Amino acid sequence: MYFTKTRLDFGRRSDEREPPFIGGDSNVVKFTELMEAIKARDEDIKAMCAQALEEIGQGKTTVEAFRSRLLDVEQRLAARIGGAMPPGVSSSAYAATVSALVKGFDLASFKQHGRLRVEVAGSILGKATLTTVEAGTVQQLPDVPTLAPDFQLRDVLRAIPVTASAVQYIQLVSAALNAAKVAEGAVKPESDVSYLPVTAEPQTLAHWFRASEQVLADNTQLMLAIDTFGRTGLRTAEENFVLGGDATTGNVGLLTDAPAAAAVAAGTTALDAVLQVGGELEDAGYVPSVALLNTADWRAIRGSKSTDGNYLMPGAPTGTTPQVVWALRVASLASMPAGTFVVLDGRYVAILDRLQAIVEMSNADADNFTKNLITVRCEERIGTMVSDLNALRKGTFATA
């Protein structure tokens, strides 16, 4: 059978198509060829339907879900941190946090979670919400630094990245080494070395605050302040944790758990006291390399004078005084109690970095979205490792 009028209405249902015109002339098309074309089309449709059903079954997408997610992403992006840089303000005036947010922005992650998460080099205080009433929206001068303490603990201690929630290591308890010359056939002397397995669980150090989206966008100096005080909060907590430790989680405190050194004689200068405690470590077979001092005590040492009134420390008073005394690298710590110091062999001490400092900013907290507020959360997870407590000595400066 032949027909001369072919109409392939693939967009219409089969019961809506016009019946083929049956007839015959030189431009006929075989009915079987048409059926093959229809069959091929049906196979394509079946394949597309199967793929769609598979994707829906796997939870990949639906039209309504896609629309809902797209609307949510658009709303969240509309309230994101940042915006155009104010006229006349150089990019270098922005805080490290802003730079990290820009460089670390992950669109796919933001679509899924509605928040930004970035890591910063090192770690990032506010009580009430920061608003334009408090901070103002006037044009700010560029490159104006904010004040912050100088944290030096990580300058002198090793940091070891770890990936587990608990870290086990071996700590030396005692070592009595009795090696000696032995005559032929004689019994060799026995040494006594004792170790203790220690499990340290890294702990979370964190704080958060809220800020107005508008003021963050309008006030570049405020962004610097947020970054500065955010870091100050974490670093202060870190110093207290490393010095104080936490016995319940196996984290050794460099101050609280350090063995006490022999008392220094009355009238001994601070420089001589550090030398004496370092010498005590040397006599025990260690190599002292680090001294942890209170900031006021270190300032007093830098200002030490001889009996004729000349400054003793190199560079004083007109130059820079090296952070070194008796070949020990000095960390000046506000968290160290005045009058107390620690000398240690750095080979046996480390900070365990389970999670390096991160800064997260999100409007998906409480009623932030409707109030144009941003919650900033700063946190890190760290632990301490001391593989030999005898590699530390805690000393006390002599009273006048």
Protein backbone atom coordinates (compact mmCIF):
# COMPACT_ATOMS: atom_id res chain seq x y z
CA MET A 1 0.00 0.00 0.00
CA TYR A 2 1.25 3.48 -0.84
CA PHE A 3 0.36 7.06 0.01
CA THR A 4 1.58 10.37 -1.32
CA LYS A 5 0.92 12.80 1.56
CA THR A 6 3.31 12.32 4.48
CA ARG A 7 2.77 14.31 7.70
CA LEU A 8 5.00 13.53 10.67
CA ASP A 9 3.36 15.46 13.53
CA PHE A 10 5.62 14.23 16.31
CA GLY A 11 4.36 16.92 18.66
CA ARG A 12 0.78 15.67 18.55
CA ARG A 13 -0.88 12.56 19.96
CA SER A 14 -1.49 9.71 17.57
CA ASP A 15 -5.28 10.15 17.80
CA GLU A 16 -4.97 13.81 16.80
CA ARG A 17 -2.92 13.26 13.64
CA GLU A 18 -4.62 13.45 10.27
CA PRO A 19 -4.86 10.08 8.53
CA PRO A 20 -2.47 9.62 5.69
CA PHE A 21 -3.71 10.44 2.22
CA ILE A 22 -3.83 7.24 0.33
CA GLY A 23 -3.05 7.35 -3.30
CA GLY A 24 -0.24 6.83 -5.69
CA ASP A 25 2.13 8.85 -7.86
CA SER A 26 5.85 9.14 -8.53
CA ASN A 27 6.64 10.81 -5.12
CA VAL A 28 5.30 8.03 -2.93
CA VAL A 29 6.84 6.99 0.34
CA LYS A 30 6.55 3.47 1.52
CA PHE A 31 4.42 2.94 4.55
CA THR A 32 7.10 0.74 6.09
CA GLU A 33 9.61 3.62 5.97
CA LEU A 34 7.22 5.82 7.88
CA MET A 35 6.75 3.12 10.48
CA GLU A 36 10.51 2.84 10.91
CA ALA A 37 10.75 6.61 11.47
CA ILE A 38 7.97 6.49 14.04
CA LYS A 39 9.61 3.54 15.75
CA ALA A 40 12.94 5.39 15.95
CA ARG A 41 11.18 8.43 17.41
CA ASP A 42 9.43 6.25 20.01
CA GLU A 43 12.74 4.70 21.01
CA ASP A 44 14.23 8.17 21.56
CA ILE A 45 11.28 9.22 23.68
CA LYS A 46 11.50 6.02 25.73
CA ALA A 47 15.21 6.62 26.35
CA MET A 48 14.61 10.20 27.49
CA CYS A 49 11.78 9.10 29.80
CA ALA A 50 13.94 6.36 31.29
CA GLN A 51 16.75 8.81 31.95
CA ALA A 52 14.35 11.31 33.55
CA LEU A 53 12.84 8.63 35.77
CA GLU A 54 16.29 7.49 36.82
CA GLU A 55 17.36 11.01 37.77
CA ILE A 56 14.14 11.61 39.69
CA GLY A 57 14.58 8.28 41.46
CA GLN A 58 18.08 9.27 42.49
CA GLY A 59 16.79 12.56 43.90
CA LYS A 60 18.74 14.66 41.43
CA THR A 61 16.04 17.13 40.51
CA THR A 62 12.38 17.97 40.04
CA VAL A 63 10.98 21.09 38.46
CA GLU A 64 9.50 22.41 41.70
CA ALA A 65 12.56 21.46 43.76
CA PHE A 66 14.81 23.17 41.25
CA ARG A 67 12.70 26.34 41.30
CA SER A 68 12.63 26.34 45.11
CA ARG A 69 16.40 25.91 45.35
CA LEU A 70 17.03 28.59 42.74
CA LEU A 71 14.82 31.07 44.63
CA ASP A 72 16.61 30.25 47.88
CA VAL A 73 20.02 30.75 46.28
CA GLU A 74 18.95 34.09 44.79
CA GLN A 75 17.69 35.31 48.18
CA ARG A 76 20.84 34.27 49.94
CA LEU A 77 23.11 35.75 47.31
CA ALA A 78 21.19 39.01 47.62
CA ALA A 79 22.21 39.18 51.29
CA ARG A 80 25.80 38.05 50.88
CA ILE A 81 28.78 39.78 52.45
CA GLY A 82 30.51 42.45 50.49
CA GLY A 83 29.65 44.58 47.50
CA ALA A 84 31.30 47.26 45.48
CA MET A 85 34.40 48.74 47.00
CA PRO A 86 33.82 52.29 48.27
CA PRO A 87 35.31 54.98 46.02
CA GLY A 88 38.85 55.92 46.91
CA VAL A 89 39.47 52.90 49.11
CA SER A 90 42.32 50.64 48.06
CA SER A 91 41.83 46.89 48.05
CA SER A 92 44.73 46.50 50.49
CA ALA A 93 42.59 48.16 53.16
CA TYR A 94 40.29 45.11 53.33
CA ALA A 95 40.87 42.62 56.10
CA ALA A 96 42.34 39.21 55.56
CA THR A 97 38.91 37.73 56.14
CA VAL A 98 37.43 39.59 53.18
CA SER A 99 40.25 38.42 50.94
CA ALA A 100 39.78 34.86 52.09
CA LEU A 101 36.05 35.02 51.49
CA VAL A 102 36.54 36.25 47.94
CA LYS A 103 39.24 33.73 47.10
CA GLY A 104 37.49 30.86 48.83
CA PHE A 105 33.96 31.51 47.58
CA ASP A 106 32.44 28.25 46.41
CA LEU A 107 29.19 28.83 44.52
CA ALA A 108 28.15 25.20 44.56
CA SER A 109 28.67 24.97 48.30
CA PHE A 110 26.81 28.22 48.87
CA LYS A 111 23.89 26.97 46.79
CA GLN A 112 23.68 23.86 48.91
CA HIS A 113 24.30 25.26 52.40
CA GLY A 114 23.52 28.97 52.23
CA ARG A 115 26.73 29.96 53.95
CA LEU A 116 30.40 30.63 53.32
CA ARG A 117 33.24 28.77 54.99
CA VAL A 118 36.88 29.77 54.52
CA GLU A 119 40.16 28.92 56.18
CA VAL A 120 42.51 31.69 57.26
CA ALA A 121 46.20 31.68 58.01
CA GLY A 122 46.26 31.43 61.79
CA SER A 123 43.00 31.83 63.72
CA ILE A 124 39.79 34.88 64.03
CA LEU A 125 34.86 39.69 69.94
CA GLY A 126 31.73 41.17 69.79
CA LYS A 127 28.81 41.07 72.18
CA ALA A 128 26.08 43.08 70.49
CA THR A 129 25.21 43.47 66.84
CA LEU A 130 27.39 45.98 65.03
CA THR A 131 25.19 48.53 63.26
CA THR A 132 25.64 51.73 61.30
CA VAL A 133 24.54 53.71 64.35
CA GLU A 134 27.59 52.49 66.20
CA ALA A 135 30.09 52.41 63.37
CA GLY A 136 28.92 55.14 61.01
CA THR A 137 28.87 55.05 57.23
CA VAL A 138 31.19 57.91 56.40
CA GLN A 139 34.03 57.36 53.96
CA GLN A 140 36.95 55.69 55.73
CA LEU A 141 40.62 56.34 55.17
CA PRO A 142 42.44 53.42 53.53
CA ASP A 143 45.23 51.36 55.04
CA VAL A 144 44.57 52.29 58.66
CA PRO A 145 45.66 49.34 60.83
CA THR A 146 43.76 48.26 63.91
CA LEU A 147 45.46 47.51 67.19
CA ALA A 148 46.01 43.90 68.25
CA PRO A 149 48.41 41.95 70.48
CA ASP A 150 51.33 40.16 68.91
CA PHE A 151 50.84 36.42 69.43
CA GLN A 152 54.12 34.54 69.29
CA LEU A 153 53.40 31.04 70.59
CA ARG A 154 53.25 29.46 67.14
CA ASP A 155 56.49 31.22 66.20
CA VAL A 156 58.44 28.98 68.56
CA LEU A 157 56.46 25.71 68.68
CA ARG A 158 55.93 23.06 66.03
CA ALA A 159 52.43 22.56 64.63
CA ILE A 160 51.49 19.05 63.46
CA PRO A 161 48.35 18.59 61.32
CA VAL A 162 46.23 15.64 62.49
CA THR A 163 43.10 14.08 61.02
CA ALA A 164 41.65 12.06 63.91
CA SER A 165 39.49 13.12 66.85
CA ALA A 166 41.99 11.45 69.20
CA VAL A 167 45.75 11.24 68.79
CA GLN A 168 47.83 8.64 70.64
CA TYR A 169 51.53 9.06 71.21
CA ILE A 170 54.21 7.71 73.56
CA GLN A 171 55.41 9.86 76.43
CA LEU A 172 58.71 9.14 78.19
CA VAL A 173 58.22 8.71 81.92
CA SER A 174 61.77 7.98 83.06
CA ALA A 175 65.10 6.90 81.67
CA ALA A 176 67.92 5.52 83.80
CA LEU A 177 70.76 4.80 81.37
CA ASN A 178 73.48 2.62 82.87
CA ALA A 179 75.66 1.84 79.89
CA ALA A 180 79.30 1.22 80.96
CA LYS A 181 82.47 -0.55 80.01
CA VAL A 182 82.06 -4.30 80.53
CA ALA A 183 84.76 -6.89 80.97
CA GLU A 184 84.66 -9.96 78.79
CA GLY A 185 82.22 -12.51 80.15
CA ALA A 186 80.75 -10.12 82.70
CA VAL A 187 77.07 -9.36 83.04
CA LYS A 188 76.04 -6.23 81.15
CA PRO A 189 74.38 -3.44 83.12
CA GLU A 190 70.65 -2.91 82.69
CA SER A 191 69.06 0.43 81.86
CA ASP A 192 65.51 1.27 82.83
CA VAL A 193 63.39 3.21 80.33
CA SER A 194 59.66 3.66 80.93
CA TYR A 195 57.04 4.97 78.49
CA LEU A 196 53.37 5.83 78.89
CA PRO A 197 50.78 5.87 76.08
CA VAL A 198 48.94 9.19 76.02
CA THR A 199 45.76 9.97 74.10
CA ALA A 200 45.21 13.64 73.31
CA GLU A 201 41.79 14.78 72.09
CA PRO A 202 41.90 18.09 70.18
CA GLN A 203 39.43 20.60 71.59
CA THR A 204 37.35 23.28 69.88
CA LEU A 205 38.14 26.93 70.56
CA ALA A 206 35.49 29.27 69.18
CA HIS A 207 33.46 32.46 69.46
CA TRP A 208 30.92 34.35 67.32
CA PHE A 209 29.33 37.73 66.85
CA ARG A 210 26.78 39.46 64.63
CA ALA A 211 27.23 42.40 62.32
CA SER A 212 25.04 44.43 60.01
CA GLU A 213 25.43 43.65 56.33
CA GLN A 214 25.24 47.34 55.47
CA VAL A 215 27.96 48.43 57.87
CA LEU A 216 30.25 45.63 56.73
CA ALA A 217 29.86 46.81 53.17
CA ASP A 218 30.20 50.53 54.01
CA ASN A 219 32.96 50.51 56.58
CA THR A 220 36.24 48.92 55.56
CA GLN A 221 37.96 49.72 58.85
CA LEU A 222 35.24 47.85 60.69
CA MET A 223 35.99 44.79 58.60
CA LEU A 224 39.61 45.12 59.71
CA ALA A 225 38.50 45.42 63.33
CA ILE A 226 36.27 42.35 63.07
CA ASP A 227 39.14 40.34 61.65
CA THR A 228 41.56 41.66 64.27
CA PHE A 229 39.39 41.07 67.31
CA GLY A 230 38.20 37.77 65.95
CA ARG A 231 41.78 36.60 65.75
CA THR A 232 42.54 38.07 69.17
CA GLY A 233 39.76 36.02 70.75
CA LEU A 234 41.01 32.76 69.27
CA ARG A 235 44.70 33.41 69.88
CA THR A 236 44.08 34.35 73.52
CA ALA A 237 42.08 31.17 74.04
CA GLU A 238 44.83 29.21 72.29
CA GLU A 239 47.56 30.57 74.58
CA ASN A 240 45.51 29.76 77.69
CA PHE A 241 44.79 26.26 76.41
CA VAL A 242 48.39 25.41 75.48
CA LEU A 243 49.75 26.75 78.77
CA GLY A 244 46.98 25.35 80.98
CA GLY A 245 46.20 22.12 79.13
CA ASP A 246 43.21 19.90 79.88
CA ALA A 247 43.85 16.77 81.91
CA THR A 248 40.42 15.31 81.12
CA THR A 249 41.19 15.17 77.39
CA GLY A 250 44.88 14.26 77.59
CA ASN A 251 46.20 17.68 76.58
CA VAL A 252 49.36 18.52 78.49
CA GLY A 253 49.76 22.10 79.73
CA LEU A 254 53.22 23.56 79.13
CA LEU A 255 52.92 25.61 82.32
CA THR A 256 50.70 23.52 84.59
CA ASP A 257 52.42 20.20 83.89
CA ALA A 258 56.05 21.33 83.56
CA PRO A 259 58.35 20.10 86.35
CA ALA A 260 59.52 22.88 88.63
CA ALA A 261 63.15 23.92 88.30
CA ALA A 262 65.41 24.50 91.28
CA ALA A 263 64.72 27.82 92.98
CA VAL A 264 67.00 30.69 92.04
CA ALA A 265 68.83 32.55 94.80
CA ALA A 266 67.55 35.91 95.99
CA GLY A 267 68.99 38.78 94.01
CA THR A 268 69.51 36.72 90.86
CA THR A 269 68.77 38.79 87.76
CA ALA A 270 66.10 37.69 85.30
CA LEU A 271 68.75 36.97 82.66
CA ASP A 272 70.69 34.77 85.06
CA ALA A 273 67.51 33.00 86.18
CA VAL A 274 66.70 31.99 82.59
CA LEU A 275 70.29 30.85 82.14
CA GLN A 276 70.13 28.75 85.32
CA VAL A 277 66.93 26.94 84.34
CA GLY A 278 68.21 26.36 80.81
CA GLY A 279 71.39 24.93 82.31
CA GLU A 280 69.34 22.54 84.40
CA LEU A 281 67.81 21.15 81.20
CA GLU A 282 71.23 20.87 79.58
CA ASP A 283 72.57 18.94 82.56
CA ALA A 284 69.69 16.47 82.13
CA GLY A 285 70.72 15.79 78.52
CA TYR A 286 68.29 18.05 76.69
CA VAL A 287 68.88 20.93 74.29
CA PRO A 288 66.92 23.94 75.53
CA SER A 289 65.67 26.00 72.59
CA VAL A 290 62.60 27.97 73.69
CA ALA A 291 61.75 30.33 76.55
CA LEU A 292 58.13 31.31 77.29
CA LEU A 293 57.98 34.59 79.22
CA ASN A 294 55.34 37.04 80.39
CA THR A 295 55.26 40.20 78.26
CA ALA A 296 56.13 42.49 81.19
CA ASP A 297 59.00 40.23 82.25
CA TRP A 298 60.40 40.18 78.71
CA ARG A 299 60.11 43.97 78.53
CA ALA A 300 62.08 44.23 81.80
CA ILE A 301 64.79 41.96 80.38
CA ARG A 302 65.01 44.06 77.21
CA GLY A 303 65.53 47.10 79.41
CA SER A 304 68.22 45.51 81.59
CA LYS A 305 71.21 47.75 82.33
CA SER A 306 74.71 47.24 83.61
CA THR A 307 75.96 48.91 86.77
CA ASP A 308 77.23 51.83 84.70
CA GLY A 309 73.80 52.42 83.13
CA ASN A 310 74.33 50.87 79.69
CA TYR A 311 71.69 48.62 78.16
CA LEU A 312 72.70 44.97 78.03
CA MET A 313 70.50 43.67 75.21
CA PRO A 314 71.65 44.07 71.59
CA GLY A 315 69.90 46.90 69.78
CA ALA A 316 68.65 48.61 72.95
CA PRO A 317 67.41 51.26 73.16
CA THR A 318 67.37 52.60 69.58
CA GLY A 319 67.22 49.38 67.59
CA THR A 320 65.24 46.17 67.49
CA THR A 321 65.98 43.73 70.26
CA PRO A 322 66.15 40.16 68.94
CA GLN A 323 63.63 37.71 70.44
CA VAL A 324 66.55 35.63 71.70
CA VAL A 325 68.26 35.22 75.05
CA TRP A 326 70.99 32.68 75.79
CA ALA A 327 70.34 31.19 72.32
CA LEU A 328 66.72 30.52 73.34
CA ARG A 329 63.93 31.74 71.06
CA VAL A 330 61.65 33.88 73.20
CA ALA A 331 57.85 33.98 73.01
CA SER A 332 56.38 36.93 74.89
CA LEU A 333 52.95 35.81 76.13
CA ALA A 334 50.28 37.90 77.88
CA SER A 335 48.76 34.65 79.18
CA MET A 336 51.93 33.67 81.06
CA PRO A 337 51.70 34.71 84.75
CA ALA A 338 54.14 37.48 85.65
CA GLY A 339 57.23 36.26 87.48
CA THR A 340 56.97 32.77 85.97
CA PHE A 341 58.62 31.35 82.86
CA VAL A 342 59.14 28.03 81.08
CA VAL A 343 62.25 26.78 79.29
CA LEU A 344 61.85 23.76 77.03
CA ASP A 345 63.43 21.57 74.39
CA GLY A 346 61.26 22.21 71.34
CA ARG A 347 61.86 18.76 69.87
CA TYR A 348 59.50 17.23 72.42
CA VAL A 349 56.62 19.73 72.22
CA ALA A 350 54.04 20.42 69.50
CA ILE A 351 50.60 21.88 68.85
CA LEU A 352 48.21 19.41 67.21
CA ASP A 353 46.12 21.09 64.50
CA ARG A 354 42.92 19.09 63.99
CA LEU A 355 41.13 22.03 62.37
CA GLN A 356 42.99 25.16 61.40
CA ALA A 357 41.24 28.41 62.12
CA ILE A 358 38.16 29.00 59.98
CA VAL A 359 35.83 31.96 59.59
CA GLU A 360 32.21 31.31 58.63
CA MET A 361 29.72 34.03 57.69
CA SER A 362 26.04 33.26 57.23
CA ASN A 363 22.66 34.97 57.15
CA ALA A 364 20.91 31.66 57.89
CA ASP A 365 20.86 32.18 61.67
CA ALA A 366 17.80 33.19 63.73
CA ASP A 367 16.16 36.17 61.95
CA ASN A 368 19.34 37.40 60.27
CA PHE A 369 17.89 37.25 56.76
CA THR A 370 14.95 39.54 57.50
CA LYS A 371 17.15 41.99 59.44
CA ASN A 372 20.09 42.04 57.01
CA LEU A 373 22.42 40.68 59.67
CA ILE A 374 25.38 38.38 59.29
CA THR A 375 26.60 35.93 61.93
CA VAL A 376 30.38 35.51 61.97
CA ARG A 377 31.72 32.37 63.66
CA CYS A 378 35.41 31.76 64.25
CA GLU A 379 36.79 28.45 65.48
CA GLU A 380 39.66 26.00 65.49
CA ARG A 381 40.41 22.58 67.01
CA ILE A 382 43.79 22.01 68.60
CA GLY A 383 45.54 19.74 71.07
CA THR A 384 48.97 19.58 72.69
CA MET A 385 51.65 16.91 72.54
CA VAL A 386 54.55 16.64 74.99
CA SER A 387 56.46 13.43 74.39
CA ASP A 388 58.76 13.99 77.39
CA LEU A 389 57.69 16.11 80.36
CA ASN A 390 61.28 16.25 81.59
CA ALA A 391 62.09 18.35 78.52
CA LEU A 392 60.32 21.26 80.23
CA ARG A 393 61.28 23.30 83.26
CA LYS A 394 59.14 25.89 85.05
CA GLY A 395 61.11 28.65 86.73
CA THR A 396 60.33 31.65 88.94
CA PHE A 397 62.19 34.94 88.91
CA ALA A 398 63.77 36.00 92.19
CA THR A 399 61.98 38.73 94.11
CA ALA A 400 63.84 41.97 94.69
